Every structure is written in C-alpha cells, then in structure tokens.
Protein backbone atom coordinates (compact mmCIF):
# COMPACT_ATOMS: atom_id res chain seq x y z
CA GLU A 1 20.74 -73.91 88.13
CA ALA A 2 18.02 -74.89 90.66
CA GLN A 3 18.52 -78.54 89.81
CA GLN A 4 22.26 -78.11 90.20
CA ALA A 5 21.75 -76.56 93.64
CA GLN A 6 19.48 -79.47 94.68
CA LEU A 7 21.99 -82.02 93.46
CA SER A 8 24.81 -80.20 95.28
CA ALA A 9 22.83 -80.24 98.54
CA ALA A 10 22.04 -83.93 98.09
CA GLY A 11 25.72 -84.60 97.38
CA GLU A 12 26.77 -82.85 100.61
CA LYS A 13 24.38 -85.04 102.58
CA VAL A 14 25.82 -88.14 100.94
CA LYS A 15 29.32 -86.94 101.85
CA ALA A 16 28.24 -86.43 105.48
CA ARG A 17 26.81 -89.96 105.61
CA LEU A 18 30.00 -91.35 104.13
CA VAL A 19 32.08 -89.61 106.81
CA ALA A 20 29.79 -90.96 109.58
CA ASP A 21 29.92 -94.45 108.11
CA ALA A 22 33.72 -94.29 107.91
CA SER A 23 33.90 -93.29 111.59
CA ARG A 24 31.63 -96.17 112.60
CA LEU A 25 33.65 -98.53 110.45
CA ASP A 26 36.86 -97.47 112.26
CA ALA A 27 35.21 -98.16 115.64
CA VAL A 28 33.99 -101.63 114.52
CA GLN A 29 37.50 -102.48 113.22
CA ALA A 30 39.10 -101.41 116.51
CA ARG A 31 36.62 -103.55 118.44
CA ARG A 32 37.27 -106.51 116.12
CA GLU A 33 41.02 -106.20 116.83
CA SER A 34 40.41 -106.18 120.56
CA LEU A 35 38.20 -109.26 120.31
CA ARG A 36 40.84 -110.97 118.23
CA ASP A 37 43.42 -110.32 120.99
CA VAL A 38 41.03 -111.78 123.60
CA LEU A 39 40.51 -114.91 121.51
CA LYS A 40 44.26 -115.54 121.57
CA LEU A 41 44.16 -116.23 125.38
CA GLU A 42 43.80 -119.96 126.31
CA ASP A 43 43.57 -119.53 130.13
CA PHE A 44 41.53 -116.92 131.95
CA GLN A 45 44.11 -116.78 134.74
CA GLU A 46 46.43 -114.98 132.39
CA ILE A 47 44.29 -111.89 132.69
CA HIS A 48 42.80 -112.49 136.11
CA TRP A 49 45.00 -110.04 138.12
CA GLN A 50 42.85 -109.36 141.18
CA PRO A 51 43.96 -112.47 143.25
CA LEU A 52 47.63 -111.66 142.50
CA ALA A 53 47.26 -108.06 143.66
CA ALA A 54 45.58 -109.20 146.89
CA ARG A 55 48.40 -111.73 147.53
CA ILE A 56 51.06 -109.00 147.09
CA VAL A 57 49.32 -106.80 149.65
CA GLU A 58 49.18 -109.69 152.15
CA LEU A 59 52.90 -110.46 151.78
CA GLU A 60 53.96 -106.82 152.18
CA GLU A 61 51.83 -106.57 155.36
CA GLU A 62 53.42 -109.73 156.74
CA LYS A 63 56.91 -108.33 155.98
CA ARG A 64 56.16 -105.15 157.90
CA ARG A 65 54.92 -107.22 160.91
CA LEU A 66 58.06 -109.34 160.90
CA GLU A 67 60.35 -106.35 160.67
CA ALA A 68 58.51 -104.55 163.46
CA GLY A 69 58.62 -107.57 165.74
CA SER A 70 62.37 -108.56 165.33
CA ASP A 71 65.23 -106.46 166.91
CA VAL A 72 67.90 -108.51 165.16
CA LEU A 73 66.35 -107.83 161.82
CA ARG A 74 66.21 -104.06 162.52
CA THR A 75 69.88 -104.11 163.57
CA LEU A 76 70.88 -105.97 160.44
CA GLN A 77 68.81 -103.57 158.36
CA ALA A 78 70.55 -100.56 159.89
CA GLN A 79 73.99 -102.16 159.38
CA LEU A 80 73.07 -102.87 155.77
CA GLU A 81 72.06 -99.30 155.17
CA ALA A 82 75.24 -98.01 156.83
CA ALA A 83 77.36 -100.37 154.73
CA GLU A 84 75.63 -99.16 151.56
CA ARG A 85 76.31 -95.55 152.51
CA GLY A 86 79.96 -96.36 153.19
CA ILE A 87 80.24 -98.03 149.83
CA LEU A 88 78.81 -94.94 148.14
CA THR A 89 81.21 -92.66 150.04
CA ALA A 90 84.18 -94.85 149.18
CA GLU A 91 83.20 -94.93 145.52
CA GLY A 92 82.94 -91.10 145.45
CA LEU A 93 86.36 -90.76 147.13
CA GLN A 94 87.80 -93.21 144.66
CA ARG A 95 86.46 -91.22 141.70
CA LYS A 96 87.86 -87.94 143.15
CA THR A 97 91.23 -89.60 143.70
CA GLN A 98 91.28 -90.95 140.18
CA TYR A 99 90.36 -87.50 138.75
CA ALA A 100 93.06 -85.77 140.84
CA HIS A 101 95.59 -88.38 139.75
CA ALA A 102 94.72 -87.83 136.10
CA GLU A 103 94.92 -84.05 136.55
CA GLN A 104 98.29 -84.28 138.26
CA LYS A 105 99.55 -86.61 135.56
CA THR A 106 98.43 -84.15 132.86
CA ARG A 107 100.17 -81.28 134.66
CA LEU A 108 103.28 -83.40 135.07
CA ASP A 109 103.29 -84.27 131.38
CA THR A 110 102.81 -80.60 130.46
CA GLN A 111 105.54 -79.43 132.82
CA GLN A 112 107.90 -82.10 131.55
CA ALA A 113 107.23 -80.99 127.97
CA GLN A 114 107.76 -77.33 128.95
CA HIS A 115 110.92 -78.28 130.78
CA ALA A 116 112.20 -80.15 127.74
CA GLU A 117 111.32 -77.21 125.48
CA ALA A 118 112.97 -74.72 127.82
CA THR A 119 116.05 -76.95 128.10
CA GLU A 120 116.27 -77.21 124.31
CA LEU A 121 115.86 -73.42 123.89
CA PHE A 122 118.44 -72.76 126.59
CA SER A 123 120.87 -75.17 124.94
CA SER A 124 120.37 -73.48 121.54
CA LEU A 125 121.65 -70.17 122.92
CA SER A 126 125.36 -69.53 122.87
CA GLU A 127 127.22 -68.19 125.85
CA ALA A 128 127.44 -64.79 124.16
CA GLU A 129 123.68 -64.70 123.54
CA ARG A 130 122.98 -65.67 127.14
CA ALA A 131 125.27 -62.94 128.36
CA ARG A 132 123.54 -60.44 126.05
CA LEU A 133 119.91 -61.43 126.65
CA PHE A 134 119.63 -62.64 130.24
CA PRO A 135 120.77 -59.51 132.12
CA PRO A 136 118.28 -57.21 130.29
CA LEU A 137 115.55 -59.80 130.86
CA ALA A 138 116.40 -59.92 134.56
CA GLU A 139 116.19 -56.12 134.77
CA MET A 140 112.87 -56.06 132.89
CA GLN A 141 111.58 -58.89 135.13
CA ALA A 142 112.32 -56.84 138.21
CA GLU A 143 110.61 -53.81 136.66
CA ALA A 144 107.60 -55.74 135.37
CA LEU A 145 106.99 -58.20 138.27
CA GLY A 146 108.52 -56.33 141.17
CA GLU A 147 109.38 -58.53 144.19
CA LYS A 148 107.34 -61.46 142.92
CA LYS A 149 109.18 -64.79 143.20
CA LEU A 150 108.93 -67.20 140.30
CA SER A 151 107.67 -70.73 140.90
CA VAL A 152 106.31 -73.61 138.91
CA GLU A 153 102.81 -72.64 139.95
CA ASN A 154 102.99 -68.96 138.96
CA CYS A 155 105.29 -69.34 135.98
CA ASP A 156 102.51 -69.16 133.36
CA LYS A 157 100.81 -66.20 135.01
CA SER A 158 104.13 -64.41 135.42
CA GLN A 159 104.93 -65.05 131.77
CA THR A 160 101.58 -63.49 130.75
CA GLU A 161 102.19 -60.45 132.96
CA MET A 162 105.70 -60.08 131.57
CA ARG A 163 104.43 -60.35 127.99
CA GLU A 164 101.71 -57.73 128.58
CA TRP A 165 104.25 -55.39 130.18
CA LEU A 166 106.63 -55.82 127.22
CA GLN A 167 103.79 -55.30 124.71
CA GLY A 168 102.88 -52.07 126.46
CA ARG A 169 106.45 -50.84 126.16
CA LEU A 170 106.56 -51.91 122.50
CA ASP A 171 103.31 -50.06 121.76
CA ALA A 172 104.64 -46.92 123.42
CA LEU A 173 107.89 -47.15 121.46
CA ALA A 174 105.98 -47.79 118.22
CA LYS A 175 103.90 -44.68 118.85
CA ARG A 176 107.02 -42.60 119.46
CA ILE A 177 108.62 -44.02 116.31
CA ALA A 178 105.49 -43.25 114.27
CA GLU A 179 105.44 -39.67 115.55
CA SER A 180 109.14 -39.31 114.79
CA GLU A 181 108.64 -40.70 111.27
CA LYS A 182 105.74 -38.34 110.70
CA GLY A 183 107.82 -35.34 111.73
CA LEU A 184 110.77 -36.55 109.63
CA LEU A 185 108.59 -37.04 106.54
CA LEU A 186 107.11 -33.57 107.03
CA ARG A 187 110.58 -32.01 107.17
CA MET A 188 111.63 -34.01 104.10
CA ALA A 189 108.57 -32.76 102.18
CA GLN A 190 109.29 -29.18 103.26
CA TYR A 191 112.90 -29.52 102.13
CA LYS A 192 111.78 -30.93 98.75
CA GLN A 193 109.31 -28.09 98.31
CA ARG A 194 111.96 -25.50 99.15
CA TYR A 195 114.72 -27.09 97.04
CA PRO A 196 112.98 -28.94 94.18
CA GLN A 197 116.02 -28.99 91.87
CA GLU A 198 118.33 -30.61 94.42
CA THR A 199 115.75 -33.21 95.52
CA ARG A 200 114.06 -34.11 92.22
CA GLU A 201 115.55 -37.65 92.31
CA VAL A 202 114.69 -38.52 95.93
CA ASP A 203 111.37 -39.15 97.66
CA ALA A 204 110.10 -37.97 101.01
CA SER A 205 110.30 -41.42 102.59
CA ILE A 206 112.12 -43.20 105.40
CA GLU A 207 113.93 -45.32 102.80
CA ALA A 208 115.48 -42.13 101.34
CA GLU A 209 117.07 -41.15 104.66
CA PRO A 210 120.64 -42.08 103.50
CA GLU A 211 120.30 -39.75 100.49
CA TYR A 212 119.28 -36.87 102.75
CA ARG A 213 122.24 -37.58 105.05
CA GLU A 214 124.52 -37.52 102.03
CA MET A 215 123.09 -34.15 100.92
CA LEU A 216 123.71 -32.79 104.42
CA ALA A 217 127.30 -34.06 104.36
CA THR A 218 127.81 -32.43 100.95
CA LEU A 219 126.49 -29.10 102.22
CA ARG A 220 128.87 -29.26 105.18
CA ARG A 221 131.83 -30.18 102.98
CA GLU A 222 131.16 -27.40 100.46
CA ASP A 223 130.44 -24.81 103.17
CA LEU A 224 127.73 -23.20 101.01
CA PRO A 225 126.55 -20.73 103.68
CA ARG A 226 129.90 -18.94 103.24
CA HIS A 227 128.86 -17.98 99.67
CA GLU A 228 125.33 -16.89 100.62
CA GLN A 229 126.03 -13.14 100.81
CA ASN A 230 127.76 -13.10 97.42
CA PHE A 231 124.84 -15.04 95.94
CA LYS A 232 122.37 -12.51 97.36
CA THR A 233 124.32 -9.60 95.93
CA LEU A 234 124.58 -11.09 92.44
CA LEU A 235 120.93 -12.10 92.45
CA ASN A 236 119.80 -8.59 93.35
CA GLU A 237 122.25 -6.44 91.38
CA ARG A 238 122.24 -8.43 88.18
CA THR A 239 119.45 -10.91 87.74
CA ILE A 240 116.51 -9.23 89.44
CA ASN A 241 117.50 -5.81 88.13
CA GLY A 242 117.71 -7.31 84.64
CA ILE A 243 114.23 -8.77 84.98
CA ALA A 244 112.96 -5.41 86.23
CA LEU A 245 114.49 -3.66 83.20
CA LEU A 246 112.90 -6.24 80.87
CA GLN A 247 109.49 -5.70 82.41
CA SER A 248 109.91 -1.92 82.25
CA TRP A 249 110.86 -2.12 78.57
CA LEU A 250 107.90 -4.37 77.77
CA ASP A 251 105.54 -2.06 79.67
CA ASN A 252 106.90 0.93 77.75
CA GLU A 253 106.31 -0.89 74.47
CA ARG A 254 102.80 -1.83 75.57
CA GLN A 255 102.08 1.75 76.55
CA GLY A 256 103.51 2.90 73.22
CA ILE A 257 100.99 0.74 71.38
CA ALA A 258 98.19 2.08 73.57
CA ASP A 259 99.33 5.63 72.77
CA LYS A 260 99.43 4.84 69.05
CA ILE A 261 95.90 3.44 69.22
CA ALA A 262 94.80 6.64 70.92
CA THR A 263 96.49 8.65 68.16
CA ILE A 264 94.82 6.56 65.45
CA ASN A 265 91.45 6.90 67.16
CA ARG A 266 91.77 10.68 67.14
CA SER A 267 92.29 10.44 63.39
CA LEU A 268 89.48 7.93 62.91
CA LYS A 269 87.10 10.17 64.81
CA GLU A 270 87.41 12.70 61.99
CA ILE A 271 86.45 10.08 59.39
CA GLU A 272 82.76 9.77 58.56
CA TYR A 273 82.43 5.98 58.48
CA ALA A 274 78.68 5.97 57.95
CA SER A 275 75.99 8.56 58.37
CA GLY A 276 76.63 10.00 61.86
CA THR A 277 79.17 7.32 62.94
CA TYR A 278 82.92 6.85 63.23
CA ILE A 279 85.22 3.92 63.88
CA GLU A 280 87.24 3.50 67.08
CA LEU A 281 89.96 0.86 67.43
CA VAL A 282 89.85 -1.21 70.61
CA GLY A 283 92.96 -2.93 71.96
CA ASP A 284 91.89 -5.43 74.65
CA ARG A 285 94.25 -7.53 76.70
CA THR A 286 94.73 -10.94 75.09
CA GLN A 287 93.53 -14.09 76.85
CA ASP A 288 96.24 -16.23 75.28
CA PRO A 289 97.35 -18.65 78.03
CA GLU A 290 101.06 -18.50 77.14
CA ILE A 291 101.19 -14.70 77.24
CA ARG A 292 99.14 -14.52 80.45
CA SER A 293 101.37 -17.13 82.07
CA PHE A 294 104.51 -15.25 80.98
CA ARG A 295 103.29 -11.98 82.46
CA GLN A 296 102.38 -13.70 85.72
CA GLU A 297 105.81 -15.35 85.90
CA LEU A 298 107.44 -11.99 85.23
CA LEU A 299 105.48 -10.37 88.05
CA ALA A 300 106.24 -13.30 90.36
CA CYS A 301 109.99 -12.79 89.81
CA LEU A 302 109.68 -9.19 90.97
CA SER A 303 107.12 -9.63 93.74
CA ASP A 304 108.32 -8.69 97.23
CA THR A 305 111.60 -7.29 95.84
CA LEU A 306 110.72 -3.66 96.50
CA GLY A 307 110.31 -2.59 100.09
CA GLY A 308 110.37 -6.17 101.40
CA GLY A 309 112.65 -7.65 103.99
CA GLU A 310 115.99 -9.20 103.13
CA ASP A 311 114.71 -12.70 103.64
CA GLU A 312 111.94 -12.19 101.09
CA LEU A 313 114.32 -10.53 98.61
CA TYR A 314 116.93 -13.27 98.66
CA ALA A 315 114.80 -16.32 99.20
CA GLU A 316 116.04 -19.17 97.05
CA HIS A 317 112.61 -19.72 95.54
CA LYS A 318 113.02 -16.26 93.97
CA PHE A 319 116.22 -17.42 92.32
CA LEU A 320 114.47 -20.56 91.01
CA GLN A 321 111.66 -18.43 89.54
CA VAL A 322 114.14 -16.21 87.70
CA LYS A 323 116.24 -19.18 86.61
CA ALA A 324 113.23 -20.99 85.10
CA LEU A 325 112.34 -17.89 83.06
CA ILE A 326 115.90 -17.27 81.83
CA ASP A 327 116.42 -20.94 80.96
CA ARG A 328 113.39 -20.75 78.71
CA PHE A 329 114.71 -17.54 77.08
CA ASN A 330 118.01 -19.30 76.39
CA GLY A 331 116.33 -22.47 75.12
CA ARG A 332 116.21 -25.64 77.15
CA GLU A 333 117.75 -28.86 75.96
CA GLY A 334 115.32 -30.78 73.79
CA THR A 335 112.86 -27.88 73.43
CA SER A 336 115.10 -25.12 72.10
CA GLU A 337 113.00 -24.49 68.97
CA LEU A 338 109.76 -24.38 70.96
CA ASP A 339 111.37 -22.03 73.47
CA ARG A 340 112.61 -19.78 70.66
CA ARG A 341 109.12 -19.44 69.19
CA TRP A 342 107.69 -18.94 72.65
CA THR A 343 110.20 -16.16 73.39
CA GLN A 344 109.39 -14.39 70.13
CA LYS A 345 105.70 -14.64 70.88
CA VAL A 346 105.60 -13.47 74.49
CA THR A 347 108.15 -10.66 74.12
CA ASP A 348 106.41 -9.18 71.06
CA VAL A 349 104.12 -6.78 72.87
CA ARG A 350 101.80 -6.58 69.87
CA ASN A 351 100.70 -10.09 70.76
CA TRP A 352 99.54 -8.81 74.14
CA PHE A 353 96.57 -7.14 72.44
CA VAL A 354 93.46 -8.35 70.65
CA PHE A 355 92.40 -5.59 68.25
CA SER A 356 88.83 -4.95 67.19
CA ALA A 357 86.75 -2.05 65.95
CA SER A 358 83.79 -0.28 67.49
CA GLU A 359 81.40 1.79 65.38
CA ARG A 360 80.09 4.67 67.51
CA TRP A 361 77.55 7.43 67.11
CA ARG A 362 79.22 10.76 66.64
CA GLU A 363 76.47 12.53 68.55
CA ASP A 364 77.01 10.92 71.97
CA GLY A 365 79.83 8.40 71.51
CA THR A 366 77.67 5.37 72.26
CA GLU A 367 78.41 2.12 70.46
CA LYS A 368 76.36 1.22 67.42
CA GLU A 369 78.11 -2.02 66.42
CA PHE A 370 81.19 -3.98 67.45
CA TYR A 371 83.48 -5.68 64.90
CA SER A 372 85.70 -8.41 66.25
CA ASP A 373 86.18 -9.54 62.63
CA SER A 374 84.41 -9.03 59.31
CA ALA A 375 82.46 -12.28 59.34
CA GLY A 376 78.78 -11.94 58.55
CA LYS A 377 79.23 -8.60 56.72
CA SER A 378 78.39 -7.84 53.10
CA GLY A 379 81.13 -7.35 50.51
CA GLY A 380 80.80 -3.57 50.59
CA GLN A 381 80.86 -3.50 54.41
CA LYS A 382 83.94 -5.67 54.52
CA GLU A 383 85.75 -3.41 52.00
CA LYS A 384 84.77 -0.27 53.82
CA LEU A 385 85.91 -1.62 57.18
CA ALA A 386 89.11 -2.92 55.59
CA TYR A 387 89.91 0.49 54.09
CA THR A 388 89.26 2.13 57.42
CA ILE A 389 91.57 -0.28 59.25
CA LEU A 390 94.16 0.07 56.43
CA ALA A 391 94.13 3.85 56.79
CA SER A 392 94.55 3.56 60.56
CA ALA A 393 97.38 1.04 60.08
CA LEU A 394 99.18 3.44 57.75
CA ALA A 395 98.72 6.23 60.25
CA TYR A 396 100.15 3.95 62.94
CA GLN A 397 103.08 2.88 60.73
CA PHE A 398 104.04 6.45 59.82
CA GLY A 399 103.10 8.00 63.14
CA LEU A 400 100.77 10.49 61.45
CA GLU A 401 98.86 13.19 63.23
CA TRP A 402 95.46 14.01 61.79
CA GLY A 403 95.26 17.24 59.81
CA GLU A 404 99.01 18.03 59.78
CA VAL A 405 99.97 19.00 56.27
CA ARG A 406 103.42 20.41 56.80
CA SER A 407 105.05 17.39 58.38
CA ARG A 408 108.41 15.80 57.75
CA THR A 409 106.91 12.37 58.38
CA PHE A 410 107.57 9.82 55.65
CA ARG A 411 104.19 8.93 54.15
CA PHE A 412 104.77 7.31 50.76
CA VAL A 413 102.47 4.34 49.96
CA MET A 414 102.46 2.13 46.86
CA ILE A 415 99.32 0.11 46.22
CA ASP A 416 99.57 -2.63 43.59
CA GLU A 417 96.53 -3.96 41.71
CA ALA A 418 94.48 -1.48 43.69
CA PHE A 419 90.72 -1.58 43.65
CA GLY A 420 90.68 -4.33 41.01
CA ARG A 421 87.94 -6.39 42.62
CA GLY A 422 86.24 -3.98 44.96
CA SER A 423 83.31 -1.75 44.25
CA ASP A 424 83.85 1.79 42.98
CA GLU A 425 82.09 3.23 46.01
CA SER A 426 84.39 1.40 48.45
CA ALA A 427 87.46 2.40 46.43
CA ARG A 428 86.46 6.08 46.50
CA TYR A 429 85.86 5.78 50.26
CA GLY A 430 89.39 4.42 50.75
CA LEU A 431 90.97 7.08 48.54
CA GLY A 432 89.13 9.74 50.51
CA LEU A 433 90.67 8.38 53.71
CA PHE A 434 94.14 8.41 52.16
CA ARG A 435 93.61 12.02 51.05
CA LYS A 436 92.62 13.05 54.58
CA LEU A 437 95.78 11.41 55.89
CA ASN A 438 97.82 13.36 53.30
CA LEU A 439 99.44 10.21 51.98
CA GLN A 440 101.61 10.24 48.86
CA LEU A 441 100.20 7.46 46.69
CA LEU A 442 101.63 5.42 43.85
CA ILE A 443 98.73 3.34 42.55
CA VAL A 444 99.14 0.50 40.06
CA THR A 445 95.74 -0.35 38.58
CA PRO A 446 94.20 -1.65 35.35
CA LEU A 447 92.80 0.84 32.82
CA GLN A 448 89.17 0.10 33.70
CA LYS A 449 89.69 1.61 37.18
CA ILE A 450 91.18 4.90 36.00
CA HIS A 451 87.83 6.65 36.36
CA VAL A 452 87.85 5.72 40.07
CA ILE A 453 91.25 7.21 40.94
CA GLU A 454 91.44 10.13 38.49
CA ASP A 455 90.01 12.59 41.01
CA TYR A 456 92.60 11.59 43.65
CA VAL A 457 95.91 11.70 41.68
CA LYS A 458 97.98 14.44 40.06
CA SER A 459 99.50 12.47 37.23
CA VAL A 460 99.16 9.15 35.41
CA HIS A 461 101.68 6.94 33.63
CA PHE A 462 100.40 4.50 31.04
CA VAL A 463 102.52 1.41 30.36
CA HIS A 464 101.92 -0.51 27.13
CA ASN A 465 103.64 -3.60 25.71
CA GLU A 466 103.10 -4.09 22.01
CA GLY A 467 103.44 -7.74 20.99
CA GLY A 468 105.02 -8.72 24.28
CA ARG A 469 108.44 -7.33 23.30
CA ASP A 470 109.12 -3.72 24.27
CA SER A 471 107.24 -1.76 26.92
CA ARG A 472 106.41 1.88 26.37
CA ILE A 473 105.39 4.41 28.99
CA LEU A 474 103.49 7.67 28.60
CA GLY A 475 103.33 10.17 31.44
CA LEU A 476 100.58 12.79 31.71
CA THR A 477 99.36 15.17 34.33
CA ILE A 478 95.83 14.51 35.40
CA ALA A 479 94.77 17.73 33.62
CA GLN A 480 96.37 16.53 30.36
CA TYR A 481 94.76 13.13 30.82
CA LYS A 482 91.29 14.61 31.30
CA GLU A 483 91.74 16.96 28.35
CA ARG A 484 92.83 14.13 26.08
CA LYS A 485 90.06 11.90 27.40
CA ALA A 486 87.44 14.54 26.68
CA ARG A 487 88.83 15.05 23.21
CA GLU A 488 89.13 11.41 22.26
CA GLY A 489 86.20 10.05 24.29
CA ASP A 490 88.04 7.12 25.95
CA THR A 491 91.36 6.16 27.49
CA ALA A 492 92.52 3.99 24.66
CA GLY A 493 94.04 6.90 22.84
CA VAL A 494 96.34 7.97 25.63
CA VAL A 495 98.79 5.22 24.81
CA ALA A 496 99.14 6.31 21.17
CA PRO A 497 102.49 7.80 20.23
C-alpha cells in the first residue's frame, strides 16, 4: 500500500508535467503559425503602415485648410447638404403617399366587394320579403342607433352596435322564454302528479304541449266540472263508506282473535306445563310486507275523511287510492290469479298475526323461555309443547271456557293413530290437558298404547279382522276391560268371542 501511494504521487507529478508540456507545445505551435504567416510576405511595405497613416493625416489637414479658406466651397457644401435633406424629405413623402394609396386601394377593394355582396343579397330578396323585413329593421335601427346617420365610414361600427343591441334583446327574450318553459314544465309535472291515470302516456315536456291542449279541449267539451258534485256524493256515500265498513269488519275480526288468545291464555294458565311454569300464547303483529302494505293502503283511503274539510274529503287522489285497492280486489287484467291469492291472504285476519309461545314462571309471571318454533328442542319437549298448543287450539276452535263442565259447547274430538310414536309420558300429559278441557274423545290407537289411555276413557271397542275378510268389534266399558285384563293377564283375550 505504501508503494502504491508513492507510485500514485509520482504518477500525479508526471501528469502535471504532461499538462505543462502540452501548454508549452500549444504556445510554440501558435508562434510557428505566426512566423509562417510572416514568411509569406515578399515586401516589407505590405505591413509598413506608419507612413500611410501619416499621409492620411496630412491630406485631411490640407482638406480642412482648403475648406476654411474658400467661400465658394462652403456655399457649395451647404447647397449639397440642403439638397440631400430635400431628397430625404421627398423620399419620405413619396413613401407616405405610396402607403396611403395602397391603403385607399385596399379600402376601395373591400368596399366594392361589400357593395357587390350587399347588391347580391338585396337582389335575392323578393318584394314581399323587403316589405316584411325592412320596416322592422328601420324601426330597430332608430331604437338602437338613435339619430345617428349612416355613412360609408361608420357603416361597420353601426353594424356592430346594431348587432350588439339585437343580441341583447335576443338574450332577454331567451331568458323570458326559459323562465316561461320552466314554469310550464312545473305545471305539467304537477298536473301529471295529480292526474297520473290521464297523463300516463304523455311527458312533462315542451314537445308534449299539443297533447295537453287536447286534454284541455276535451275537458271543456265534456264539461266535467258539472258532474263534480255527483262524483263527490257517490265517492263518500258508497265507496269510502264501503272501505270504512271493510276496515271495521277486519278490525273486529282481529280483535276477536286477540280475545280468543286471551281466553286460551286464561285456560293455559291453569295448566302446569313444567314445575312452576305455564304456557302463554303470544300473537304479535306480522311483518309480512304484503299485509303491512295492505293495511297502510286501507288507512290511506280513510285518512282525512273524518272531520276534514270538503276539499280533503273529495280530492281526486283519494278516489285513485280507493280505485287501486278495489281493482286489486276485483283482479286486474293479466294478474287476476295473483290478485285473488293476494286478496285471500290480506283479508284473512289470521295472517295478520305471528303466533308463538312464552313459558312463564307461575310465581311472578316473568318469562322463562320463548318458543317461536320447536327447533332445537328434544323429542319430549316438542311433543309436550305440541300437545299444549293442540289443547289451546281445540279450546279456540270450540270457544271453551276453562273449568266449565255444564256447557252446551260442542267439544267432540276424534284422534286417529293417537300417541303411536310419542312417549308415554307426553301422551299422558296431552290426555291430562284434554281432560281438563272436558273434551269428549274418540281415540283410535294400536293395542300397545291401550295402557296409556285406559285411565282417560270410559269404554273401549276392539276391532279385529280374522284372515283379512270379516271385521269383528267388541265393546267394553273400561271397568269390564280392566277386570278382564286382570283375569287374563293381557289384552289379547279381549278380542275372543
């Protein structure tokens, strides 16, 4: 590394010497070129300038002496200078004259072209067009330019002023037209909103103006305002009253269901569902969009019809609301089947409810568990809940009051293939509910389930088919059945002759 550093330093010195030598070489070459140029000269007088410079000075001095000493020469000199100035002035005037001539020629050419164009335009107009256009133009000229007289010189400027004045008037008229169109379109849109059926095929646009004029002419020809009072009377006395009666009937049916649920819940409260709990049916308002929409439409038809002013009662939009509802009841063209199913759905008040069950503590009535369905429950829980809901449904169907024994209410129930798959415990729970409801039961069940129902019936009837030909039936009271069962040890013997 030390040797490398020494060699690097030595190299730098060599580089410096090379640069110095190159500079000296350039100087020697420049000097050689100069000497070469000197050697080209054959006579020294070619570069001997001092005698020539001295001779020039002597001649100029002699000229000044001659000029100063000769009056004629001074006069001629002054005349020469004056003549030169005159020449310059004349040349300047000549150039100005030539420029003015060219400018005038250009203006003349332009004016001739404009004159030819104006002549051609004037010739293209008929006498009728001249009579129609020129007088208004003359009036506008007087209004725009005042007392100003037209000339060739001010024609262009006057045309510009006239054009600006006309453009101002056009802009003002365009603004007025735009405001008028805006107001017209607004009134068209309002008319369409108020009378959608009559205007469903026309737009709120300037192009539709003939259609709106035709509608106005039709209204004037038919003299519809003359029938307005009769329309109001029919709408109020028939249609709206009919809608009000429909809503009242539906509300009564809805309240009837709510009352039935209350009745069932009073019965269910007496049933021990689990240790210390009872079941309570819950009838919440459904969130079905079709039913909610129907109820809102029904209310809209009757809104502002009680205690409101006459204008609100007989507004045409009220008629359109009622008409839309009745059209759907009657079945619209192309959707009659859908409308029929929709009508059955929304007018069946039972569909207005979503039923569920709430298990509550008997001690304080607080909720223990909520059953929106039986999903996630065990088999026994599902059966028990099903029997409870079945018992409440029967009570609802027959209109039963809990604990009433001497009642003329029809309460006969036939249960086929009863308790065939359920557990014995669940079956006994259901039969206990039926007993508390004082139901008259006809139970069809296989022999292996007799031991489940024997404590809940008064008589049994055994049906037997020997060989698949003739059926035989044996009727016994429950006391006879138990006596025979105890004597024979099973139920097989009860079907013997």
